[in-house]
PDB file of N, CA and C in Angstrom:
ATOM      1  N   MET A   1      85.594 116.389  93.823  1.00  0.00           N
ATOM      2  CA  MET A   1      86.932 116.740  94.219  1.00  0.00           C
ATOM      3  C   MET A   1      87.808 116.769  92.970  1.00  0.00           C
ATOM      4  N   LYS A   2      88.445 117.896  92.717  1.00  0.00           N
ATOM      5  CA  LYS A   2      89.358 118.043  91.580  1.00  0.00           C
ATOM      6  C   LYS A   2      90.741 117.566  92.017  1.00  0.00           C
ATOM      7  N   LEU A   3      91.260 116.580  91.301  1.00  0.00           N
ATOM      8  CA  LEU A   3      92.553 115.995  91.651  1.00  0.00           C
ATOM      9  C   LEU A   3      93.606 116.393  90.624  1.00  0.00           C
ATOM     10  N   PRO A   4      94.873 116.409  91.018  1.00  0.00           N
ATOM     11  CA  PRO A   4      95.942 116.757  90.077  1.00  0.00           C
ATOM     12  C   PRO A   4      95.974 115.790  88.890  1.00  0.00           C
ATOM     13  N   ALA A   5      96.299 116.310  87.731  1.00  0.00           N
ATOM     14  CA  ALA A   5      96.333 115.504  86.502  1.00  0.00           C
ATOM     15  C   ALA A   5      97.330 114.356  86.589  1.00  0.00           C
ATOM     16  N   PHE A   6      98.438 114.535  87.333  1.00  0.00           N
ATOM     17  CA  PHE A   6      99.455 113.481  87.384  1.00  0.00           C
ATOM     18  C   PHE A   6      98.946 112.225  88.089  1.00  0.00           C
ATOM     19  N   PHE A   7      97.850 112.320  88.837  1.00  0.00           N
ATOM     20  CA  PHE A   7      97.283 111.125  89.468  1.00  0.00           C
ATOM     21  C   PHE A   7      96.935 110.085  88.408  1.00  0.00           C
ATOM     22  N   ASP A   8      96.568 110.531  87.219  1.00  0.00           N
ATOM     23  CA  ASP A   8      96.209 109.606  86.132  1.00  0.00           C
ATOM     24  C   ASP A   8      97.416 108.831  85.607  1.00  0.00           C
ATOM     25  N   ASP A   9      98.628 109.304  85.907  1.00  0.00           N
ATOM     26  CA  ASP A   9      99.849 108.637  85.446  1.00  0.00           C
ATOM     27  C   ASP A   9     100.312 107.531  86.394  1.00  0.00           C
ATOM     28  N   ILE A  10      99.722 107.460  87.574  1.00  0.00           N
ATOM     29  CA  ILE A  10     100.124 106.477  88.577  1.00  0.00           C
ATOM     30  C   ILE A  10      99.449 105.146  88.245  1.00  0.00           C
ATOM     31  N   PRO A  11     100.211 104.059  88.176  1.00  0.00           N
ATOM     32  CA  PRO A  11      99.635 102.761  87.788  1.00  0.00           C
ATOM     33  C   PRO A  11      98.477 102.315  88.687  1.00  0.00           C
ATOM     34  N   ILE A  12      97.593 101.556  88.093  1.00  0.00           N
ATOM     35  CA  ILE A  12      96.425 101.000  88.779  1.00  0.00           C
ATOM     36  C   ILE A  12      96.856  99.765  89.575  1.00  0.00           C
ATOM     37  N   LEU A  13      96.372  99.661  90.800  1.00  0.00           N
ATOM     38  CA  LEU A  13      96.598  98.475  91.626  1.00  0.00           C
ATOM     39  C   LEU A  13      95.466  97.498  91.332  1.00  0.00           C
ATOM     40  N   ARG A  14      95.824  96.281  90.912  1.00  0.00           N
ATOM     41  CA  ARG A  14      94.820  95.253  90.591  1.00  0.00           C
ATOM     42  C   ARG A  14      95.062  94.030  91.458  1.00  0.00           C
ATOM     43  N   ILE A  15      93.992  93.542  92.063  1.00  0.00           N
ATOM     44  CA  ILE A  15      94.070  92.329  92.882  1.00  0.00           C
ATOM     45  C   ILE A  15      92.873  91.444  92.587  1.00  0.00           C
ATOM     46  N   ARG A  16      93.006  90.190  92.959  1.00  0.00           N
ATOM     47  CA  ARG A  16      91.910  89.235  92.774  1.00  0.00           C
ATOM     48  C   ARG A  16      91.291  88.959  94.129  1.00  0.00           C
ATOM     49  N   ASP A  17      89.960  88.978  94.158  1.00  0.00           N
ATOM     50  CA  ASP A  17      89.222  88.724  95.393  1.00  0.00           C
ATOM     51  C   ASP A  17      88.133  87.694  95.102  1.00  0.00           C
ATOM     52  N   PRO A  18      88.363  86.422  95.485  1.00  0.00           N
ATOM     53  CA  PRO A  18      87.372  85.379  95.215  1.00  0.00           C
ATOM     54  C   PRO A  18      85.998  85.682  95.826  1.00  0.00           C
ATOM     55  N   LEU A  19      85.966  86.302  96.998  1.00  0.00           N
ATOM     56  CA  LEU A  19      84.682  86.631  97.616  1.00  0.00           C
ATOM     57  C   LEU A  19      83.931  87.660  96.787  1.00  0.00           C
ATOM     58  N   ALA A  20      84.631  88.650  96.274  1.00  0.00           N
ATOM     59  CA  ALA A  20      83.989  89.655  95.423  1.00  0.00           C
ATOM     60  C   ALA A  20      83.401  89.009  94.172  1.00  0.00           C
ATOM     61  N   GLU A  21      84.090  87.994  93.656  1.00  0.00           N
ATOM     62  CA  GLU A  21      83.569  87.273  92.491  1.00  0.00           C
ATOM     63  C   GLU A  21      82.311  86.490  92.872  1.00  0.00           C
ATOM     64  N   THR A  22      82.366  85.800  93.997  1.00  0.00           N
ATOM     65  CA  THR A  22      81.217  85.018  94.461  1.00  0.00           C
ATOM     66  C   THR A  22      79.996  85.901  94.690  1.00  0.00           C
ATOM     67  N   LEU A  23      80.223  87.062  95.268  1.00  0.00           N
ATOM     68  CA  LEU A  23      79.124  87.979  95.577  1.00  0.00           C
ATOM     69  C   LEU A  23      78.682  88.806  94.367  1.00  0.00           C
ATOM     70  N   GLY A  24      79.423  88.675  93.273  1.00  0.00           N
ATOM     71  CA  GLY A  24      79.071  89.416  92.070  1.00  0.00           C
ATOM     72  C   GLY A  24      79.450  90.887  92.137  1.00  0.00           C
ATOM     73  N   CYS A  25      80.400  91.215  93.007  1.00  0.00           N
ATOM     74  CA  CYS A  25      80.827  92.614  93.183  1.00  0.00           C
ATOM     75  C   CYS A  25      81.851  93.056  92.152  1.00  0.00           C
ATOM     76  N   ALA A  26      82.559  92.100  91.578  1.00  0.00           N
ATOM     77  CA  ALA A  26      83.622  92.429  90.636  1.00  0.00           C
ATOM     78  C   ALA A  26      83.710  91.322  89.595  1.00  0.00           C
ATOM     79  N   GLU A  27      83.681  91.708  88.345  1.00  0.00           N
ATOM     80  CA  GLU A  27      83.754  90.733  87.258  1.00  0.00           C
ATOM     81  C   GLU A  27      85.072  89.969  87.334  1.00  0.00           C
ATOM     82  N   GLY A  28      84.978  88.657  87.396  1.00  0.00           N
ATOM     83  CA  GLY A  28      86.157  87.813  87.502  1.00  0.00           C
ATOM     84  C   GLY A  28      86.866  87.942  88.835  1.00  0.00           C
ATOM     85  N   GLY A  29      86.246  88.641  89.781  1.00  0.00           N
ATOM     86  CA  GLY A  29      86.862  88.832  91.085  1.00  0.00           C
ATOM     87  C   GLY A  29      88.023  89.805  91.079  1.00  0.00           C
ATOM     88  N   ILE A  30      88.155  90.585  90.012  1.00  0.00           N
ATOM     89  CA  ILE A  30      89.274  91.518  89.902  1.00  0.00           C
ATOM     90  C   ILE A  30      88.851  92.901  90.378  1.00  0.00           C
ATOM     91  N   LEU A  31      89.558  93.376  91.388  1.00  0.00           N
ATOM     92  CA  LEU A  31      89.332  94.713  91.926  1.00  0.00           C
ATOM     93  C   LEU A  31      90.446  95.625  91.447  1.00  0.00           C
ATOM     94  N   GLN A  32      90.102  96.842  91.113  1.00  0.00           N
ATOM     95  CA  GLN A  32      91.090  97.813  90.656  1.00  0.00           C
ATOM     96  C   GLN A  32      90.981  99.071  91.502  1.00  0.00           C
ATOM     97  N   TYR A  33      92.136  99.579  91.921  1.00  0.00           N
ATOM     98  CA  TYR A  33      92.185 100.806  92.701  1.00  0.00           C
ATOM     99  C   TYR A  33      93.206 101.752  92.066  1.00  0.00           C
ATOM    100  N   SER A  34      92.791 102.955  91.803  1.00  0.00           N
ATOM    101  CA  SER A  34      93.722 103.973  91.331  1.00  0.00           C
ATOM    102  C   SER A  34      94.162 104.803  92.534  1.00  0.00           C
ATOM    103  N   TYR A  35      95.218 105.573  92.341  1.00  0.00           N
ATOM    104  CA  TYR A  35      95.644 106.447  93.431  1.00  0.00           C
ATOM    105  C   TYR A  35      94.535 107.459  93.734  1.00  0.00           C
ATOM    106  N   ALA A  36      93.842 107.892  92.712  1.00  0.00           N
ATOM    107  CA  ALA A  36      92.722 108.812  92.919  1.00  0.00           C
ATOM    108  C   ALA A  36      91.645 108.159  93.792  1.00  0.00           C
ATOM    109  N   ASP A  37      91.382 106.867  93.595  1.00  0.00           N
ATOM    110  CA  ASP A  37      90.422 106.148  94.449  1.00  0.00           C
ATOM    111  C   ASP A  37      90.874 106.193  95.908  1.00  0.00           C
ATOM    112  N   VAL A  38      92.172 105.939  96.122  1.00  0.00           N
ATOM    113  CA  VAL A  38      92.711 105.921  97.481  1.00  0.00           C
ATOM    114  C   VAL A  38      92.601 107.300  98.120  1.00  0.00           C
ATOM    115  N   VAL A  39      92.916 108.332  97.364  1.00  0.00           N
ATOM    116  CA  VAL A  39      92.817 109.696  97.882  1.00  0.00           C
ATOM    117  C   VAL A  39      91.364 110.022  98.221  1.00  0.00           C
ATOM    118  N   ARG A  40      90.444 109.612  97.387  1.00  0.00           N
ATOM    119  CA  ARG A  40      89.020 109.860  97.679  1.00  0.00           C
ATOM    120  C   ARG A  40      88.574 109.094  98.928  1.00  0.00           C
ATOM    121  N   LEU A  41      89.026 107.853  99.069  1.00  0.00           N
ATOM    122  CA  LEU A  41      88.642 107.048 100.229  1.00  0.00           C
ATOM    123  C   LEU A  41      89.214 107.599 101.535  1.00  0.00           C
ATOM    124  N   THR A  42      90.436 108.115 101.488  1.00  0.00           N
ATOM    125  CA  THR A  42      91.063 108.644 102.696  1.00  0.00           C
ATOM    126  C   THR A  42      90.810 110.136 102.864  1.00  0.00           C
ATOM    127  N   ASP A  43      90.301 110.769 101.826  1.00  0.00           N
ATOM    128  CA  ASP A  43      89.975 112.193 101.804  1.00  0.00           C
ATOM    129  C   ASP A  43      91.214 113.081 101.860  1.00  0.00           C
ATOM    130  N   HIS A  44      92.383 112.531 101.517  1.00  0.00           N
ATOM    131  CA  HIS A  44      93.596 113.338 101.445  1.00  0.00           C
ATOM    132  C   HIS A  44      94.725 112.538 100.804  1.00  0.00           C
ATOM    133  N   SER A  45      95.793 113.250 100.464  1.00  0.00           N
ATOM    134  CA  SER A  45      97.009 112.620  99.962  1.00  0.00           C
ATOM    135  C   SER A  45      98.162 113.108 100.836  1.00  0.00           C
ATOM    136  N   CYS A  46      98.915 112.184 101.376  1.00  0.00           N
ATOM    137  CA  CYS A  46     100.035 112.522 102.250  1.00  0.00           C
ATOM    138  C   CYS A  46     101.110 111.455 102.063  1.00  0.00           C
ATOM    139  N   PRO A  47     102.280 111.620 102.689  1.00  0.00           N
ATOM    140  CA  PRO A  47     103.327 110.600 102.535  1.00  0.00           C
ATOM    141  C   PRO A  47     102.876 109.204 102.953  1.00  0.00           C
ATOM    142  N   ARG A  48     102.035 109.104 103.973  1.00  0.00           N
ATOM    143  CA  ARG A  48     101.558 107.784 104.425  1.00  0.00           C
ATOM    144  C   ARG A  48     100.690 107.121 103.370  1.00  0.00           C
ATOM    145  N   VAL A  49      99.786 107.885 102.804  1.00  0.00           N
ATOM    146  CA  VAL A  49      98.887 107.347 101.784  1.00  0.00           C
ATOM    147  C   VAL A  49      99.690 106.954 100.545  1.00  0.00           C
ATOM    148  N   ALA A  50     100.596 107.799 100.131  1.00  0.00           N
ATOM    149  CA  ALA A  50     101.421 107.512  98.957  1.00  0.00           C
ATOM    150  C   ALA A  50     102.280 106.275  99.183  1.00  0.00           C
ATOM    151  N   ALA A  51     102.894 106.170 100.349  1.00  0.00           N
ATOM    152  CA  ALA A  51     103.740 105.012 100.646  1.00  0.00           C
ATOM    153  C   ALA A  51     102.917 103.728 100.682  1.00  0.00           C
ATOM    154  N   ALA A  52     101.735 103.789 101.250  1.00  0.00           N
ATOM    155  CA  ALA A  52     100.874 102.602 101.284  1.00  0.00           C
ATOM    156  C   ALA A  52     100.486 102.186  99.872  1.00  0.00           C
ATOM    157  N   TYR A  53     100.185 103.156  99.023  1.00  0.00           N
ATOM    158  CA  TYR A  53      99.802 102.833  97.653  1.00  0.00           C
ATOM    159  C   TYR A  53     100.973 102.215  96.893  1.00  0.00           C
ATOM    160  N   LEU A  54     102.204 102.593  97.247  1.00  0.00           N
ATOM    161  CA  LEU A  54     103.372 102.046  96.553  1.00  0.00           C
ATOM    162  C   LEU A  54     103.513 100.547  96.743  1.00  0.00           C
ATOM    163  N   THR A  55     102.683  99.959  97.560  1.00  0.00           N
ATOM    164  CA  THR A  55     102.674  98.504  97.712  1.00  0.00           C
ATOM    165  C   THR A  55     102.465  97.829  96.356  1.00  0.00           C
ATOM    166  N   TRP A  56     101.833  98.543  95.413  1.00  0.00           N
ATOM    167  CA  TRP A  56     101.630  97.950  94.085  1.00  0.00           C
ATOM    168  C   TRP A  56     102.965  97.544  93.467  1.00  0.00           C
ATOM    169  N   ARG A  57     104.033  98.284  93.761  1.00  0.00           N
ATOM    170  CA  ARG A  57     105.342  97.922  93.203  1.00  0.00           C
ATOM    171  C   ARG A  57     105.813  96.583  93.757  1.00  0.00           C
ATOM    172  N   ALA A  58     105.631  96.388  95.034  1.00  0.00           N
ATOM    173  CA  ALA A  58     106.023  95.123  95.660  1.00  0.00           C
ATOM    174  C   ALA A  58     105.160  93.986  95.127  1.00  0.00           C
ATOM    175  N   LEU A  59     103.862  94.233  94.986  1.00  0.00           N
ATOM    176  CA  LEU A  59     102.968  93.194  94.476  1.00  0.00           C
ATOM    177  C   LEU A  59     103.337  92.806  93.048  1.00  0.00           C
ATOM    178  N   HIS A  60     103.693  93.795  92.252  1.00  0.00           N
ATOM    179  CA  HIS A  60     104.100  93.508  90.873  1.00  0.00           C
ATOM    180  C   HIS A  60     105.372  92.657  90.857  1.00  0.00           C
ATOM    181  N   ALA A  61     106.289  92.939  91.774  1.00  0.00           N
ATOM    182  CA  ALA A  61     107.531  92.147  91.849  1.00  0.00           C
ATOM    183  C   ALA A  61     107.248  90.725  92.345  1.00  0.00           C
ATOM    184  N   LEU A  62     106.335  90.583  93.292  1.00  0.00           N
ATOM    185  CA  LEU A  62     106.011  89.264  93.838  1.00  0.00           C
ATOM    186  C   LEU A  62     105.147  88.432  92.899  1.00  0.00           C
ATOM    187  N   TYR A  63     104.325  89.090  92.109  1.00  0.00           N
ATOM    188  CA  TYR A  63     103.385  88.408  91.211  1.00  0.00           C
ATOM    189  C   TYR A  63     103.530  88.962  89.797  1.00  0.00           C
ATOM    190  N   PRO A  64     104.667  88.744  89.148  1.00  0.00           N
ATOM    191  CA  PRO A  64     104.867  89.337  87.819  1.00  0.00           C
ATOM    192  C   PRO A  64     103.934  88.788  86.741  1.00  0.00           C
ATOM    193  N   ASP A  65     103.468  87.555  86.916  1.00  0.00           N
ATOM    194  CA  ASP A  65     102.649  86.929  85.868  1.00  0.00           C
ATOM    195  C   ASP A  65     101.222  86.606  86.305  1.00  0.00           C
ATOM    196  N   SER A  66     100.832  87.089  87.472  1.00  0.00           N
ATOM    197  CA  SER A  66      99.474  86.828  87.955  1.00  0.00           C
ATOM    198  C   SER A  66      99.062  87.960  88.884  1.00  0.00           C
ATOM    199  N   LEU A  67      97.802  87.925  89.296  1.00  0.00           N
ATOM    200  CA  LEU A  67      97.314  88.933  90.232  1.00  0.00           C
ATOM    201  C   LEU A  67      97.409  88.401  91.656  1.00  0.00           C
ATOM    202  N   PRO A  68      97.817  89.239  92.591  1.00  0.00           N
ATOM    203  CA  PRO A  68      97.826  88.802  93.989  1.00  0.00           C
ATOM    204  C   PRO A  68      96.398  88.628  94.481  1.00  0.00           C
ATOM    205  N   GLN A  69      96.225  87.752  95.440  1.00  0.00           N
ATOM    206  CA  GLN A  69      94.892  87.535  96.006  1.00  0.00           C
ATOM    207  C   GLN A  69      94.725  88.419  97.230  1.00  0.00           C
ATOM    208  N   ARG A  70      93.594  89.081  97.313  1.00  0.00           N
ATOM    209  CA  ARG A  70      93.307  89.959  98.439  1.00  0.00           C
ATOM    210  C   ARG A  70      93.448  89.188  99.754  1.00  0.00           C
ATOM    211  N   GLY A  71      94.182  89.752 100.688  1.00  0.00           N
ATOM    212  CA  GLY A  71      94.409  89.108 101.975  1.00  0.00           C
ATOM    213  C   GLY A  71      95.573  88.145 101.980  1.00  0.00           C
ATOM    214  N   GLY A  72      96.203  87.933 100.831  1.00  0.00           N
ATOM    215  CA  GLY A  72      97.283  86.963 100.739  1.00  0.00           C
ATOM    216  C   GLY A  72      98.668  87.525 101.004  1.00  0.00           C
ATOM    217  N   VAL A  73      98.757  88.826 101.207  1.00  0.00           N
ATOM    218  CA  VAL A  73     100.036  89.466 101.456  1.00  0.00           C
ATOM    219  C   VAL A  73      99.910  90.327 102.703  1.00  0.00           C
ATOM    220  N   ARG A  74     100.917  90.260 103.531  1.00  0.00           N
ATOM    221  CA  ARG A  74     100.940  91.076 104.741  1.00  0.00           C
ATOM    222  C   ARG A  74     102.108  92.054 104.628  1.00  0.00           C
ATOM    223  N   VAL A  75     101.811  93.323 104.853  1.00  0.00           N
ATOM    224  CA  VAL A  75     102.833  94.363 104.781  1.00  0.00           C
ATOM    225  C   VAL A  75     103.100  94.870 106.186  1.00  0.00           C
ATOM    226  N   GLU A  76     104.371  94.863 106.564  1.00  0.00           N
ATOM    227  CA  GLU A  76     104.755  95.341 107.886  1.00  0.00           C
ATOM    228  C   GLU A  76     105.784  96.452 107.750  1.00  0.00           C
ATOM    229  N   HIS A  77     105.885  97.249 108.787  1.00  0.00           N
ATOM    230  CA  HIS A  77     106.876  98.315 108.840  1.00  0.00           C
ATOM    231  C   HIS A  77     107.700  98.108 110.095  1.00  0.00           C
ATOM    232  N   ARG A  78     108.955  98.412 110.026  1.00  0.00           N
ATOM    233  CA  ARG A  78     109.816  98.141 111.177  1.00  0.00           C
ATOM    234  C   ARG A  78     109.531  99.038 112.368  1.00  0.00           C
ATOM    235  N   ASP A  79     108.955 100.224 112.132  1.00  0.00           N
ATOM    236  CA  ASP A  79     108.663 101.154 113.226  1.00  0.00           C
ATOM    237  C   ASP A  79     107.220 101.017 113.684  1.00  0.00           C
ATOM    238  N   ASP A  80     106.979 101.453 114.896  1.00  0.00           N
ATOM    239  CA  ASP A  80     105.638 101.462 115.459  1.00  0.00           C
ATOM    240  C   ASP A  80     104.722 102.331 114.593  1.00  0.00           C
ATOM    241  N   ALA A  81     103.516 101.896 114.382  1.00  0.00           N
ATOM    242  CA  ALA A  81     102.567 102.613 113.523  1.00  0.00           C
ATOM    243  C   ALA A  81     102.223 103.998 114.045  1.00  0.00           C
ATOM    244  N   ARG A  82     102.510 104.267 115.300  1.00  0.00           N
ATOM    245  CA  ARG A  82     102.187 105.572 115.863  1.00  0.00           C
ATOM    246  C   ARG A  82     103.336 106.571 115.781  1.00  0.00           C
ATOM    247  N   LEU A  83     104.441 106.171 115.185  1.00  0.00           N
ATOM    248  CA  LEU A  83     105.608 107.042 115.112  1.00  0.00           C
ATOM    249  C   LEU A  83     105.661 107.802 113.792  1.00  0.00           C
ATOM    250  N   GLY A  84     105.845 109.093 113.872  1.00  0.00           N
ATOM    251  CA  GLY A  84     106.102 109.923 112.703  1.00  0.00           C
ATOM    252  C   GLY A  84     105.188 109.639 111.533  1.00  0.00           C
ATOM    253  N   SER A  85     105.797 109.402 110.388  1.00  0.00           N
ATOM    254  CA  SER A  85     104.989 109.139 109.195  1.00  0.00           C
ATOM    255  C   SER A  85     104.874 107.657 108.892  1.00  0.00           C
ATOM    256  N   THR A  86     105.068 106.823 109.903  1.00  0.00           N
ATOM    257  CA  THR A  86     104.915 105.373 109.729  1.00  0.00           C
ATOM    258  C   THR A  86     103.452 105.014 109.581  1.00  0.00           C
ATOM    259  N   GLY A  87     102.611 105.619 110.382  1.00  0.00           N
ATOM    260  CA  GLY A  87     101.190 105.304 110.347  1.00  0.00           C
ATOM    261  C   GLY A  87     100.352 106.543 110.564  1.00  0.00           C
ATOM    262  N   VAL A  88      99.081 106.348 110.661  1.00  0.00           N
ATOM    263  CA  VAL A  88      98.172 107.482 110.825  1.00  0.00           C
ATOM    264  C   VAL A  88      98.300 108.035 112.230  1.00  0.00           C
ATOM    265  N   GLU A  89      98.441 109.336 112.325  1.00  0.00           N
ATOM    266  CA  GLU A  89      98.503 109.984 113.640  1.00  0.00           C
ATOM    267  C   GLU A  89      97.100 110.147 114.188  1.00  0.00           C
ATOM    268  N   ARG A  90      96.970 110.022 115.484  1.00  0.00           N
ATOM    269  CA  ARG A  90      95.658 110.182 116.110  1.00  0.00           C
ATOM    270  C   ARG A  90      95.655 111.338 117.048  1.00  0.00           C
TER     271      ARG A  90
END
């Protein structure tokens, strides 16, 4: 899949996952996701995917000097997940 060049300019989301470290899936338990990874996993880029990825900004604000732990943060939206561009349409 050929992705737009600007995807490379979007910051990498980094989190720590103790289970991944225990299982040997990630060195030091650090997982990294690029926006390109997210687009490949979801097979598209849309406002929902982009907004979900922007969670990295909140994580950076909450954890300026450390990595957040996977599962340690819960993200909620005020609207029902089935409304408009709040969540995935079915």
